[in-house]
Amino acid sequence: MPKLSGTAVPSYRRHKQSGQGIVTLSGRDLLLGKYDTTESRDKYNRLIAEWLEAKCQRLSSRERATLEHRISAAVSTFVQGMQLSREQQREEANRESLRRGRR
């Protein structure tokens, strides 16, 4: 497994054999629960926050600012994806109700 750069945030991935979400922190693989569920994403976010908090205590102020910026961008992207997902679910529910009404 390649080492991360000083400001890289470990990624949320799918463990192919078990179908669970997984993240590697400090060289340890941590299973998060069923892949791409709210619960596994929440667990990932909690573990990353704890890991970053511990890591930030060892960083210089410049490294910390860069890392905080990357975290903010990642959270923004994640939230936008969740909002899009909810909109898609609403649209699908609307289409389904229209299909039922035609029958």
Protein backbone atom coordinates (compact mmCIF):
# COMPACT_ATOMS: atom_id res chain seq x y z
CA MET A 1 0.00 0.00 0.00
CA PRO A 2 1.55 3.35 -0.99
CA LYS A 3 2.09 5.94 1.70
CA LEU A 4 -0.13 9.03 1.60
CA SER A 5 1.32 12.48 1.20
CA GLY A 6 1.24 14.73 4.26
CA THR A 7 -2.17 16.21 3.41
CA ALA A 8 -3.92 13.28 1.71
CA VAL A 9 -7.16 11.98 3.22
CA PRO A 10 -7.64 8.18 3.03
CA SER A 11 -10.42 7.22 0.65
CA TYR A 12 -13.68 5.40 1.27
CA ARG A 13 -13.56 2.20 -0.81
CA ARG A 14 -15.50 -0.99 -1.46
CA HIS A 15 -14.04 -4.20 -0.05
CA LYS A 16 -14.75 -6.58 -2.95
CA GLN A 17 -14.79 -9.84 -0.99
CA SER A 18 -17.24 -8.70 1.70
CA GLY A 19 -19.14 -5.89 -0.05
CA GLN A 20 -18.39 -3.57 2.85
CA GLY A 21 -16.99 -0.06 2.93
CA ILE A 22 -13.34 0.08 3.96
CA VAL A 23 -10.74 2.69 4.83
CA THR A 24 -7.06 2.24 5.63
CA LEU A 25 -5.85 4.38 8.54
CA SER A 26 -2.29 4.21 9.81
CA GLY A 27 -1.73 0.96 7.91
CA ARG A 28 -4.84 -0.78 9.30
CA ASP A 29 -7.87 -1.70 7.16
CA LEU A 30 -11.11 -0.84 8.95
CA LEU A 31 -14.40 -2.29 7.71
CA LEU A 32 -17.27 0.19 7.93
CA GLY A 33 -20.42 -1.84 7.25
CA LYS A 34 -22.40 -2.39 4.05
CA TYR A 35 -20.84 -0.33 1.25
CA ASP A 36 -22.43 3.00 0.26
CA THR A 37 -24.95 3.15 3.10
CA THR A 38 -25.51 6.14 5.34
CA GLU A 39 -24.26 4.14 8.31
CA SER A 40 -20.95 3.18 6.68
CA ARG A 41 -20.41 6.76 5.40
CA ASP A 42 -21.13 8.12 8.90
CA LYS A 43 -18.64 5.67 10.40
CA TYR A 44 -16.06 6.65 7.76
CA ASN A 45 -16.58 10.35 8.52
CA ARG A 46 -16.27 9.76 12.28
CA LEU A 47 -13.08 7.68 11.91
CA ILE A 48 -11.53 10.19 9.50
CA ALA A 49 -12.35 13.06 11.89
CA GLU A 50 -10.70 11.21 14.79
CA TRP A 51 -7.70 10.27 12.65
CA LEU A 52 -7.29 13.83 11.37
CA GLU A 53 -7.60 15.29 14.85
CA ALA A 54 -4.76 13.08 16.03
CA LYS A 55 -2.74 13.87 12.91
CA CYS A 56 -3.34 17.63 13.12
CA GLN A 57 -1.71 17.73 16.52
CA ARG A 58 1.53 16.77 14.75
CA LEU A 59 1.23 19.12 11.72
CA SER A 60 2.69 22.54 11.11
CA SER A 61 0.23 25.42 10.75
CA ARG A 62 0.69 25.49 6.95
CA GLU A 63 0.08 21.74 6.63
CA ARG A 64 -2.94 22.05 8.94
CA ALA A 65 -4.45 24.86 6.81
CA THR A 66 -3.97 22.82 3.62
CA LEU A 67 -5.54 19.76 5.21
CA GLU A 68 -8.50 21.75 6.57
CA HIS A 69 -9.09 23.17 3.08
CA ARG A 70 -9.06 19.68 1.53
CA ILE A 71 -11.41 18.36 4.20
CA SER A 72 -13.81 21.24 3.61
CA ALA A 73 -13.79 20.56 -0.13
CA ALA A 74 -14.37 16.82 0.42
CA VAL A 75 -17.28 17.46 2.79
CA SER A 76 -18.81 19.92 0.31
CA THR A 77 -18.58 17.37 -2.51
CA PHE A 78 -20.09 14.67 -0.29
CA VAL A 79 -23.01 16.88 0.78
CA GLN A 80 -23.72 17.90 -2.83
CA GLY A 81 -23.75 14.22 -3.81
CA MET A 82 -26.20 13.40 -1.00
CA GLN A 83 -28.49 16.26 -2.09
CA LEU A 84 -28.37 15.07 -5.70
CA SER A 85 -29.12 11.53 -4.56
CA ARG A 86 -32.19 12.72 -2.62
CA GLU A 87 -33.41 14.68 -5.64
CA GLN A 88 -33.00 11.60 -7.84
CA GLN A 89 -34.95 9.51 -5.32
CA ARG A 90 -37.79 12.07 -5.30
CA GLU A 91 -37.87 12.14 -9.10
CA GLU A 92 -37.98 8.34 -9.25
CA ALA A 93 -40.82 8.27 -6.70
CA ASN A 94 -42.73 10.82 -8.77
CA ARG A 95 -42.23 8.79 -11.95
CA GLU A 96 -43.35 5.63 -10.14
CA SER A 97 -46.52 7.31 -8.84
CA LEU A 98 -47.29 8.54 -12.37
CA ARG A 99 -46.81 5.00 -13.73
CA ARG A 100 -49.20 3.62 -11.11
CA GLY A 101 -51.77 6.30 -11.93
CA ARG A 102 -51.78 5.31 -15.61
CA ARG A 103 -52.59 1.67 -14.90
